[in-house]
Amino acid sequence: MTANQLFRALPSVDVLLKALARHSGNPDQEGGEISPLFQLEDLVLPRALLRDLVNAYLDECRKAIRAGKIQSADELGVDGVMPGLLRFLRDKSRPHFRRVVNATGVVIHTNLGRSRLAEEAAQAVAEACSHYSNLEFNLETGERGSRYSHVEELLCSLTGAEAALVVNNNAAAVLIVLDTFCKGREAIVSRGELVEIGGSFRIPEVMEKSGCTLREVGATNRAHPRDYINAINENTAALMRVHTSNYRVIGFHSEVPLNEMQEIARAHKLPLLVDLGSGSLCDFAAAGLPVLAQDEPRVQKIVADGADVVTFSGDKVLGGPQAGIIVGRREYIDQIKKNPLNRALRIDKMTLAALEATLRLYTEPELAIKRIPTLRLICAGQDELRKKAQKLARMLRSRFSAAQVNVSVREGMSLIGGGSFPERHIPTTLVAVEIAGVSAKDLRERLLSTTQPMVARIEDDKLCLDVRTLEDDELRLAVDALVEALAAQI
């Protein structure tokens, strides 16, 4: 048949829509027309989107005809087209923003959504989304209330601060703090603390946008009290400390202790501002990880050492939603609350719900480690990880023959990620997968296109699955993803 004959054999969009309505078993009352909401098994699509997808599939069929891949009209009838159309609909109707399985071993993976919420926090978000709430309504007075009241008391109790405020991320927290206290004036910062954060954003650039002038002191690797004292002048608005959470300086290095900086700030009647970047409320030393406790100072200690204003993230080591948390002395926090930028940077009801639920878990430290995924994965023990890896290896071997796939268990290292604990690796157990004729790079790319995408890593030319970031109920998903990725190969 000629191409034009094949084109004419293609069913129309309306014919295919009616066929889909019959196939789904839920046509409406108008002679088999598709319902406003098409549903087939777990596939649910509005009619307008369904029509667009059917059109797109017919375009694919036309391309196949031009390429000579379709040469018979039998392939183009409704019955011939339907199987491919259904596969196309399932593939193209998946949400663009969706779940992935993280087998990289990076706990706070910035590209994969950073920290996962605790179950309690996820439930709180669902509740906040599904119903009206007392977001800015005081149930005691019946009058308008403050959205920050839902978390301020918890933050003060957990950190020892006098007052607290939350904005949409930590960069915003730094911006509003500097805009409040340093706009048009200078903030003194050690040269070794001028960090670049994710997305190529740099602290000096954030400071510039706030209208603050940066005054660098000290050397890259060392700063002394005299550096700060000598830099103070009539235009100085604040002293600032930026925690280098995403890199470490080792060797010949020193910084001014925070309590000494506090003394300098008090003597010159200046606020001491501290940006922790990640920020932690967890006592990792008590959790059996003293090395981590050395790298990431707890917010509680920074407040106790005299910082007037402290900023940190909610979605990194804290293990909550994306948020910029500001705690400190009431006289300073009150000024920040009155800044007009606060309106532009404020958090929404979903963030508030998730943050409150997360902070409640911290009131019982042992419970926080068990229930907050980020903390639980960081603190997972080697015995637990080894058993999980062995289980995953057995599951894989039961689906593939030894001649098809080589599965091995090996020791490895995980990363905490998210700009926290730089260069600090934690022991883990990996499941390595090798397939003859398929490179590790090719296999990793195939896993990104499976029904349930999975992100893995490559070590020694082997695809490796780090079980630290795989939950028990995700092991089956990992196996299914590999089976699907290799379906055409073996």
Protein backbone atom coordinates (compact mmCIF):
# COMPACT_ATOMS: atom_id res chain seq x y z
CA MET A 1 0.00 0.00 0.00
CA THR A 2 1.09 3.54 -0.62
CA ALA A 3 1.77 5.95 2.22
CA ASN A 4 -1.35 7.97 1.32
CA GLN A 5 -3.48 4.86 1.52
CA LEU A 6 -2.04 4.04 4.91
CA PHE A 7 -2.65 7.59 6.13
CA ARG A 8 -6.32 7.26 5.10
CA ALA A 9 -6.56 3.96 6.98
CA LEU A 10 -5.72 5.65 10.27
CA PRO A 11 -8.79 5.97 12.53
CA SER A 12 -9.89 9.48 13.46
CA VAL A 13 -9.40 11.00 16.88
CA ASP A 14 -13.13 10.77 17.62
CA VAL A 15 -13.27 7.11 16.63
CA LEU A 16 -10.38 6.32 18.97
CA LEU A 17 -11.94 8.35 21.80
CA LYS A 18 -15.14 6.35 21.52
CA ALA A 19 -13.18 3.12 21.40
CA LEU A 20 -11.33 4.17 24.56
CA ALA A 21 -14.65 4.92 26.25
CA ARG A 22 -15.90 1.43 25.45
CA HIS A 23 -12.59 -0.12 26.47
CA SER A 24 -12.62 1.64 29.83
CA GLY A 25 -16.15 0.47 30.59
CA ASN A 26 -17.27 3.94 31.64
CA PRO A 27 -18.76 5.75 28.61
CA ASP A 28 -21.17 8.56 29.36
CA GLN A 29 -24.80 8.69 28.27
CA GLU A 30 -24.23 10.28 24.88
CA GLY A 31 -23.75 7.32 22.62
CA GLY A 32 -20.37 6.14 23.79
CA GLU A 33 -18.62 9.51 23.95
CA ILE A 34 -15.70 9.68 26.31
CA SER A 35 -16.53 10.97 29.79
CA PRO A 36 -15.11 14.32 30.98
CA LEU A 37 -12.70 12.28 33.11
CA PHE A 38 -11.30 9.17 31.43
CA GLN A 39 -10.33 6.35 33.77
CA LEU A 40 -8.71 3.06 32.87
CA GLU A 41 -7.31 1.05 35.77
CA ASP A 42 -4.96 3.53 37.50
CA LEU A 43 -4.91 5.94 34.55
CA VAL A 44 -7.07 9.05 35.03
CA LEU A 45 -7.06 11.83 32.41
CA PRO A 46 -9.25 14.86 31.69
CA ARG A 47 -10.91 14.60 28.26
CA ALA A 48 -9.01 17.57 26.79
CA LEU A 49 -5.64 16.08 27.74
CA LEU A 50 -6.71 12.67 26.45
CA ARG A 51 -7.64 14.17 23.06
CA ASP A 52 -4.21 15.84 22.81
CA LEU A 53 -2.45 12.56 23.60
CA VAL A 54 -4.48 10.63 21.03
CA ASN A 55 -3.53 13.26 18.44
CA ALA A 56 0.12 12.90 19.45
CA TYR A 57 -0.07 9.11 19.07
CA LEU A 58 -1.54 9.44 15.59
CA ASP A 59 1.35 11.71 14.71
CA GLU A 60 3.72 8.96 15.83
CA CYS A 61 1.85 6.51 13.60
CA ARG A 62 2.26 8.89 10.63
CA LYS A 63 6.00 9.10 11.29
CA ALA A 64 6.18 5.29 11.35
CA ILE A 65 4.35 5.16 7.99
CA ARG A 66 6.78 7.64 6.41
CA ALA A 67 9.72 5.62 7.77
CA GLY A 68 8.30 2.42 6.29
CA LYS A 69 7.81 0.80 9.68
CA ILE A 70 4.08 0.36 9.05
CA GLN A 71 3.16 -1.17 5.68
CA SER A 72 -0.19 -2.84 6.27
CA ALA A 73 -3.62 -1.31 6.87
CA ASP A 74 -4.34 -4.16 9.29
CA GLU A 75 -1.99 -2.48 11.74
CA LEU A 76 -3.99 0.73 11.57
CA GLY A 77 -7.49 -0.39 12.45
CA VAL A 78 -8.90 0.36 15.87
CA ASP A 79 -7.99 -3.08 17.18
CA GLY A 80 -4.50 -2.80 15.74
CA VAL A 81 -3.89 0.67 17.10
CA MET A 82 -5.40 0.21 20.57
CA PRO A 83 -2.57 -1.75 22.32
CA GLY A 84 0.05 0.77 21.25
CA LEU A 85 -2.25 3.68 22.07
CA LEU A 86 -2.81 2.41 25.61
CA ARG A 87 0.94 2.00 26.15
CA PHE A 88 1.48 5.50 24.79
CA LEU A 89 -1.18 6.95 27.10
CA ARG A 90 0.31 5.27 30.15
CA ASP A 91 3.78 6.48 29.28
CA LYS A 92 2.89 10.07 28.38
CA SER A 93 0.30 10.65 31.09
CA ARG A 94 2.71 10.09 33.95
CA PRO A 95 3.25 13.22 36.02
CA HIS A 96 6.41 15.06 35.03
CA PHE A 97 7.22 15.60 38.71
CA ARG A 98 7.15 12.16 40.29
CA ARG A 99 8.73 9.69 42.62
CA VAL A 100 12.14 8.15 42.00
CA VAL A 101 13.95 5.43 43.90
CA ASN A 102 17.21 6.72 45.37
CA ALA A 103 19.88 4.01 45.29
CA THR A 104 22.81 6.46 45.27
CA GLY A 105 23.50 6.40 49.00
CA VAL A 106 23.35 10.21 49.15
CA VAL A 107 20.92 10.78 52.01
CA ILE A 108 20.14 14.47 51.45
CA HIS A 109 20.20 14.40 47.65
CA THR A 110 19.61 17.96 46.43
CA ASN A 111 18.55 16.84 42.94
CA LEU A 112 16.18 14.20 44.27
CA GLY A 113 14.26 16.44 46.66
CA ARG A 114 16.63 16.64 49.64
CA SER A 115 15.14 15.33 52.88
CA ARG A 116 12.13 13.05 52.85
CA LEU A 117 9.43 13.96 55.34
CA ALA A 118 8.53 11.85 58.32
CA GLU A 119 5.19 10.08 58.03
CA GLU A 120 3.75 12.42 60.63
CA ALA A 121 4.81 15.44 58.57
CA ALA A 122 3.40 14.01 55.34
CA GLN A 123 0.07 13.36 57.04
CA ALA A 124 0.05 16.90 58.40
CA VAL A 125 0.59 18.28 54.89
CA ALA A 126 -2.29 16.19 53.53
CA GLU A 127 -4.55 17.47 56.32
CA ALA A 128 -3.55 21.08 55.66
CA CYS A 129 -4.21 20.71 51.94
CA SER A 130 -7.54 18.94 52.25
CA HIS A 131 -9.37 21.20 54.69
CA TYR A 132 -9.68 24.75 55.93
CA SER A 133 -7.33 25.49 58.82
CA ASN A 134 -6.44 28.03 61.48
CA LEU A 135 -3.49 29.25 59.40
CA GLU A 136 -3.92 32.85 60.51
CA PHE A 137 -6.84 32.47 62.88
CA ASN A 138 -6.59 32.47 66.67
CA LEU A 139 -8.99 29.83 67.98
CA GLU A 140 -8.86 31.30 71.48
CA THR A 141 -9.82 34.86 70.56
CA GLY A 142 -11.73 34.26 67.34
CA GLU A 143 -9.62 36.97 65.73
CA ARG A 144 -6.85 37.02 63.15
CA GLY A 145 -3.68 35.32 64.35
CA SER A 146 -0.08 34.85 63.21
CA ARG A 147 0.92 31.90 61.07
CA TYR A 148 4.29 31.80 62.83
CA SER A 149 2.69 31.08 66.18
CA HIS A 150 2.24 27.46 65.11
CA VAL A 151 5.99 26.81 65.24
CA GLU A 152 7.59 29.68 67.15
CA GLU A 153 7.13 28.21 70.60
CA LEU A 154 8.49 24.85 69.47
CA LEU A 155 11.55 26.45 67.87
CA CYS A 156 12.28 28.50 70.98
CA SER A 157 11.90 25.47 73.22
CA LEU A 158 14.20 23.32 71.07
CA THR A 159 16.92 25.92 70.45
CA GLY A 160 16.87 28.06 73.60
CA ALA A 161 16.17 31.20 71.55
CA GLU A 162 13.82 33.96 72.68
CA ALA A 163 11.93 34.26 69.39
CA ALA A 164 11.71 32.68 65.94
CA LEU A 165 10.53 33.29 62.40
CA VAL A 166 10.34 31.05 59.32
CA VAL A 167 10.69 32.03 55.65
CA ASN A 168 10.75 29.95 52.48
CA ASN A 169 14.43 28.89 52.44
CA ASN A 170 17.73 29.69 54.10
CA ALA A 171 18.95 32.01 51.34
CA ALA A 172 15.78 34.04 51.97
CA ALA A 173 16.50 33.95 55.70
CA VAL A 174 19.98 35.41 55.16
CA LEU A 175 18.58 37.98 52.73
CA ILE A 176 15.90 39.31 55.08
CA VAL A 177 18.26 39.37 58.08
CA LEU A 178 20.85 41.41 56.19
CA ASP A 179 18.20 43.67 54.67
CA THR A 180 16.82 44.35 58.14
CA PHE A 181 20.08 45.18 59.90
CA CYS A 182 22.72 45.98 57.28
CA LYS A 183 21.08 47.67 54.31
CA GLY A 184 23.22 50.57 53.20
CA ARG A 185 25.92 49.66 55.72
CA GLU A 186 28.64 47.06 56.24
CA ALA A 187 28.70 43.53 57.61
CA ILE A 188 32.07 42.13 58.63
CA VAL A 189 32.75 38.54 57.54
CA SER A 190 35.85 36.37 57.56
CA ARG A 191 37.28 35.85 54.09
CA GLY A 192 37.36 32.09 54.64
CA GLU A 193 33.58 31.98 55.14
CA LEU A 194 32.44 33.41 51.79
CA VAL A 195 30.84 30.19 50.62
CA GLU A 196 29.07 29.33 47.40
CA ILE A 197 25.87 27.39 47.95
CA GLY A 198 23.79 25.26 45.55
CA GLY A 199 22.94 26.60 42.12
CA SER A 200 26.07 28.82 42.07
CA PHE A 201 24.56 31.27 44.56
CA ARG A 202 27.23 32.89 46.68
CA ILE A 203 26.97 34.50 50.08
CA PRO A 204 28.59 37.74 48.82
CA GLU A 205 25.93 37.95 46.09
CA VAL A 206 23.11 37.42 48.59
CA MET A 207 24.63 40.15 50.74
CA GLU A 208 24.84 42.49 47.76
CA LYS A 209 21.18 41.95 46.90
CA SER A 210 20.24 42.88 50.45
CA GLY A 211 21.87 46.27 49.98
CA CYS A 212 24.62 45.36 52.42
CA THR A 213 28.30 46.00 51.80
CA LEU A 214 30.57 43.07 52.53
CA ARG A 215 33.74 43.83 54.47
CA GLU A 216 36.14 40.88 54.33
CA VAL A 217 38.64 40.31 57.13
CA GLY A 218 41.39 37.81 57.85
CA ALA A 219 42.96 35.37 55.43
CA THR A 220 41.39 32.43 53.65
CA ASN A 221 42.59 30.00 56.29
CA ARG A 222 42.91 32.13 59.42
CA ALA A 223 41.06 34.93 61.18
CA HIS A 224 41.87 36.60 64.51
CA PRO A 225 39.89 38.78 66.95
CA ARG A 226 41.99 41.80 65.93
CA ASP A 227 40.81 41.39 62.32
CA TYR A 228 37.23 42.06 63.37
CA ILE A 229 38.11 44.81 65.86
CA ASN A 230 40.27 46.69 63.37
CA ALA A 231 37.56 46.53 60.68
CA ILE A 232 34.80 48.04 62.82
CA ASN A 233 33.96 51.64 61.88
CA GLU A 234 31.04 54.08 61.99
CA ASN A 235 29.42 52.30 59.03
CA THR A 236 29.55 48.82 60.56
CA ALA A 237 26.08 47.31 61.07
CA ALA A 238 26.89 43.74 62.22
CA LEU A 239 29.44 41.00 62.65
CA MET A 240 28.62 37.86 60.69
CA ARG A 241 29.70 34.23 60.93
CA VAL A 242 28.97 31.86 58.03
CA HIS A 243 29.37 28.17 58.81
CA THR A 244 31.27 26.44 56.01
CA SER A 245 28.87 23.52 55.91
CA ASN A 246 29.67 22.49 52.33
CA TYR A 247 33.47 22.42 52.54
CA ARG A 248 36.23 22.07 55.10
CA VAL A 249 39.50 23.91 55.59
CA ILE A 250 42.13 21.68 57.17
CA GLY A 251 45.77 22.16 58.13
CA PHE A 252 46.98 25.58 59.21
CA HIS A 253 43.57 27.01 60.03
CA SER A 254 41.85 28.92 62.80
CA GLU A 255 38.72 30.97 63.37
CA VAL A 256 37.57 33.20 66.19
CA PRO A 257 35.43 31.26 68.69
CA LEU A 258 31.84 32.40 68.65
CA ASN A 259 31.80 33.48 72.28
CA GLU A 260 34.78 35.81 71.56
CA MET A 261 32.97 37.24 68.55
CA GLN A 262 29.99 37.82 70.83
CA GLU A 263 32.17 39.79 73.25
CA ILE A 264 33.46 41.96 70.40
CA ALA A 265 29.93 42.53 69.10
CA ARG A 266 28.61 43.47 72.55
CA ALA A 267 31.50 45.85 73.20
CA HIS A 268 30.65 47.73 70.01
CA LYS A 269 26.85 47.38 70.38
CA LEU A 270 26.53 45.34 67.17
CA PRO A 271 24.38 42.29 66.47
CA LEU A 272 26.16 38.99 65.87
CA LEU A 273 24.57 37.17 62.93
CA VAL A 274 25.28 33.49 62.28
CA ASP A 275 24.31 31.60 59.12
CA LEU A 276 24.57 27.87 59.75
CA GLY A 277 23.51 26.90 56.24
CA SER A 278 22.32 23.38 56.98
CA GLY A 279 21.80 23.55 60.73
CA SER A 280 21.21 20.62 63.06
CA LEU A 281 19.09 20.00 66.12
CA CYS A 282 20.28 16.40 66.52
CA ASP A 283 22.92 15.34 69.03
CA PHE A 284 24.90 13.02 66.77
CA ALA A 285 27.40 12.31 69.53
CA ALA A 286 24.63 10.83 71.67
CA ALA A 287 23.46 8.88 68.61
CA GLY A 288 26.88 7.22 68.35
CA LEU A 289 28.32 9.45 65.62
CA PRO A 290 30.71 11.82 67.43
CA VAL A 291 32.60 12.62 64.21
CA LEU A 292 29.48 14.17 62.73
CA ALA A 293 28.91 16.17 65.91
CA GLN A 294 32.30 17.84 65.34
CA ASP A 295 31.41 18.90 61.79
CA GLU A 296 27.95 20.36 62.24
CA PRO A 297 27.38 22.55 65.31
CA ARG A 298 23.96 22.25 66.88
CA VAL A 299 21.73 25.28 66.72
CA GLN A 300 21.29 25.04 70.50
CA LYS A 301 25.02 25.59 71.08
CA ILE A 302 25.23 28.52 68.67
CA VAL A 303 22.37 30.24 70.50
CA ALA A 304 23.94 29.46 73.89
CA ASP A 305 27.30 30.86 72.73
CA GLY A 306 25.75 34.27 72.21
CA ALA A 307 24.57 34.57 68.60
CA ASP A 308 21.88 37.23 68.32
CA VAL A 309 20.35 35.88 65.12
CA VAL A 310 20.84 32.37 63.69
CA THR A 311 19.64 31.18 60.28
CA PHE A 312 19.47 27.57 59.03
CA SER A 313 17.61 25.25 56.65
CA GLY A 314 14.57 23.15 57.40
CA ASP A 315 15.07 20.57 54.65
CA LYS A 316 18.64 19.43 55.14
CA VAL A 317 19.95 17.81 58.32
CA LEU A 318 16.82 18.94 60.16
CA GLY A 319 14.88 16.54 57.94
CA GLY A 320 11.82 18.73 57.42
CA PRO A 321 10.34 20.76 54.54
CA GLN A 322 12.16 23.47 52.60
CA ALA A 323 12.26 26.47 54.91
CA GLY A 324 14.61 29.12 56.23
CA ILE A 325 14.48 29.20 60.00
CA ILE A 326 15.51 32.31 61.93
CA VAL A 327 15.95 32.18 65.71
CA GLY A 328 17.51 34.55 68.21
CA ARG A 329 16.98 37.42 70.59
CA ARG A 330 13.47 38.84 70.60
CA GLU A 331 14.52 42.44 69.98
CA TYR A 332 16.12 41.40 66.69
CA ILE A 333 13.53 38.85 65.55
CA ASP A 334 10.75 41.40 66.10
CA GLN A 335 12.51 43.80 63.73
CA ILE A 336 12.79 41.09 61.07
CA LYS A 337 9.09 40.28 61.39
CA LYS A 338 8.25 43.90 60.56
CA ASN A 339 10.36 43.92 57.40
CA PRO A 340 8.08 44.19 54.30
CA LEU A 341 10.16 41.44 52.68
CA ASN A 342 8.66 39.05 55.20
CA ARG A 343 5.41 39.08 53.23
CA ALA A 344 7.20 38.09 50.03
CA LEU A 345 9.28 35.37 51.69
CA ARG A 346 6.71 33.83 54.03
CA ILE A 347 5.96 30.12 54.07
CA ASP A 348 2.65 28.53 53.12
CA LYS A 349 0.33 26.28 55.12
CA MET A 350 1.88 23.05 53.79
CA THR A 351 5.35 24.03 54.92
CA LEU A 352 4.04 25.11 58.30
CA ALA A 353 2.19 21.83 58.78
CA ALA A 354 5.23 19.74 57.86
CA LEU A 355 7.61 21.82 59.95
CA GLU A 356 5.45 21.70 63.07
CA ALA A 357 5.07 17.92 62.80
CA THR A 358 8.83 17.51 62.32
CA LEU A 359 9.72 19.77 65.25
CA ARG A 360 7.32 17.90 67.52
CA LEU A 361 9.35 14.74 66.93
CA TYR A 362 12.49 16.55 68.11
CA THR A 363 10.97 17.05 71.55
CA GLU A 364 11.87 13.37 72.09
CA PRO A 365 15.39 12.97 70.60
CA GLU A 366 15.29 9.17 70.32
CA LEU A 367 11.93 9.37 68.56
CA ALA A 368 13.30 11.95 66.10
CA ILE A 369 16.06 9.56 65.02
CA LYS A 370 13.58 6.73 64.54
CA ARG A 371 10.86 8.68 62.77
CA ILE A 372 12.63 11.35 60.70
CA PRO A 373 13.97 9.57 57.58
CA THR A 374 17.06 11.76 57.18
CA LEU A 375 18.26 11.09 60.72
CA ARG A 376 17.32 7.41 60.58
CA LEU A 377 19.25 6.85 57.34
CA ILE A 378 22.30 8.76 58.57
CA CYS A 379 22.34 6.75 61.81
CA ALA A 380 21.66 3.33 60.23
CA GLY A 381 24.13 0.73 61.53
CA GLN A 382 26.39 -1.52 59.48
CA ASP A 383 24.68 -4.75 60.57
CA GLU A 384 21.31 -3.42 59.47
CA LEU A 385 22.69 -2.28 56.11
CA ARG A 386 24.52 -5.54 55.49
CA LYS A 387 21.37 -7.59 56.10
CA LYS A 388 19.37 -5.36 53.79
CA ALA A 389 22.00 -5.65 51.04
CA GLN A 390 22.07 -9.43 51.35
CA LYS A 391 18.28 -9.52 51.09
CA LEU A 392 18.33 -7.37 47.96
CA ALA A 393 21.04 -9.58 46.42
CA ARG A 394 18.92 -12.70 47.07
CA MET A 395 15.89 -11.05 45.47
CA LEU A 396 17.90 -10.17 42.38
CA ARG A 397 19.40 -13.65 42.08
CA SER A 398 15.93 -15.16 42.25
CA ARG A 399 14.89 -13.10 39.19
CA PHE A 400 18.03 -13.58 37.09
CA SER A 401 20.25 -16.55 36.40
CA ALA A 402 23.92 -16.34 37.30
CA ALA A 403 24.71 -16.59 33.59
CA GLN A 404 22.60 -13.50 32.89
CA VAL A 405 23.46 -11.20 35.78
CA ASN A 406 26.32 -11.18 38.25
CA VAL A 407 25.19 -9.88 41.65
CA SER A 408 27.67 -9.25 44.46
CA VAL A 409 27.69 -7.57 47.87
CA ARG A 410 30.55 -5.25 48.74
CA GLU A 411 31.52 -2.62 51.29
CA GLY A 412 31.29 1.02 50.32
CA MET A 413 30.69 4.56 51.48
CA SER A 414 27.61 6.77 51.61
CA LEU A 415 27.43 10.55 51.60
CA ILE A 416 25.12 12.68 53.73
CA GLY A 417 24.87 15.33 51.00
CA GLY A 418 22.87 18.54 50.82
CA GLY A 419 25.96 20.64 51.48
CA SER A 420 26.34 19.08 54.93
CA PHE A 421 29.30 17.24 56.47
CA PRO A 422 31.69 17.89 53.54
CA GLU A 423 33.92 14.98 52.61
CA ARG A 424 32.51 12.97 55.51
CA HIS A 425 31.81 9.47 54.22
CA ILE A 426 29.91 6.91 56.27
CA PRO A 427 30.37 3.14 55.81
CA THR A 428 27.66 1.28 53.94
CA THR A 429 27.01 -1.92 51.99
CA LEU A 430 26.48 -1.95 48.23
CA VAL A 431 24.86 -4.42 45.87
CA ALA A 432 26.83 -4.46 42.61
CA VAL A 433 25.16 -5.59 39.38
CA GLU A 434 26.99 -6.62 36.19
CA ILE A 435 25.38 -7.73 32.91
CA ALA A 436 27.39 -9.10 30.03
CA GLY A 437 27.08 -6.87 27.01
CA VAL A 438 25.58 -3.94 28.95
CA SER A 439 27.82 -1.23 30.35
CA ALA A 440 27.17 0.17 33.80
CA LYS A 441 26.56 3.59 32.23
CA ASP A 442 23.99 2.20 29.81
CA LEU A 443 22.23 0.30 32.59
CA ARG A 444 22.09 3.40 34.80
CA GLU A 445 20.52 5.36 31.94
CA ARG A 446 17.95 2.63 31.27
CA LEU A 447 16.86 2.72 34.91
CA LEU A 448 15.85 6.35 34.48
CA SER A 449 13.22 5.35 31.90
CA THR A 450 11.58 2.49 33.78
CA THR A 451 8.01 2.64 35.09
CA GLN A 452 9.46 3.42 38.51
CA PRO A 453 12.66 5.39 37.76
CA MET A 454 15.66 4.53 39.90
CA VAL A 455 18.89 6.51 40.29
CA ALA A 456 21.99 4.46 41.07
CA ARG A 457 25.73 5.06 41.00
CA ILE A 458 28.74 3.52 39.29
CA GLU A 459 31.87 2.26 41.02
CA ASP A 460 34.66 0.25 39.39
CA ASP A 461 32.58 -0.01 36.20
CA LYS A 462 29.75 -1.71 38.10
CA LEU A 463 26.24 -0.45 38.72
CA CYS A 464 25.96 -0.15 42.51
CA LEU A 465 22.84 0.12 44.64
CA ASP A 466 23.50 1.65 48.06
CA VAL A 467 20.92 0.22 50.44
CA ARG A 468 21.34 3.07 52.92
CA THR A 469 18.87 5.13 50.89
CA LEU A 470 16.59 2.22 49.99
CA GLU A 471 13.71 1.58 52.37
CA ASP A 472 12.66 -2.03 52.95
CA ASP A 473 9.53 -1.58 50.84
CA GLU A 474 11.64 -0.17 47.99
CA LEU A 475 13.74 -3.29 47.50
CA ARG A 476 11.00 -4.83 45.36
CA LEU A 477 10.79 -1.61 43.34
CA ALA A 478 14.55 -1.75 42.76
CA VAL A 479 14.33 -5.33 41.52
CA ASP A 480 11.38 -4.57 39.23
CA ALA A 481 13.21 -1.58 37.78
CA LEU A 482 16.22 -3.73 36.91
CA VAL A 483 14.01 -6.43 35.39
CA GLU A 484 12.28 -3.84 33.21
CA ALA A 485 15.56 -2.18 32.24
CA LEU A 486 16.98 -5.52 31.09
CA ALA A 487 13.82 -6.95 29.54
CA ALA A 488 15.03 -6.36 25.98
CA GLN A 489 18.54 -7.60 26.72
CA ILE A 490 18.11 -11.02 28.31
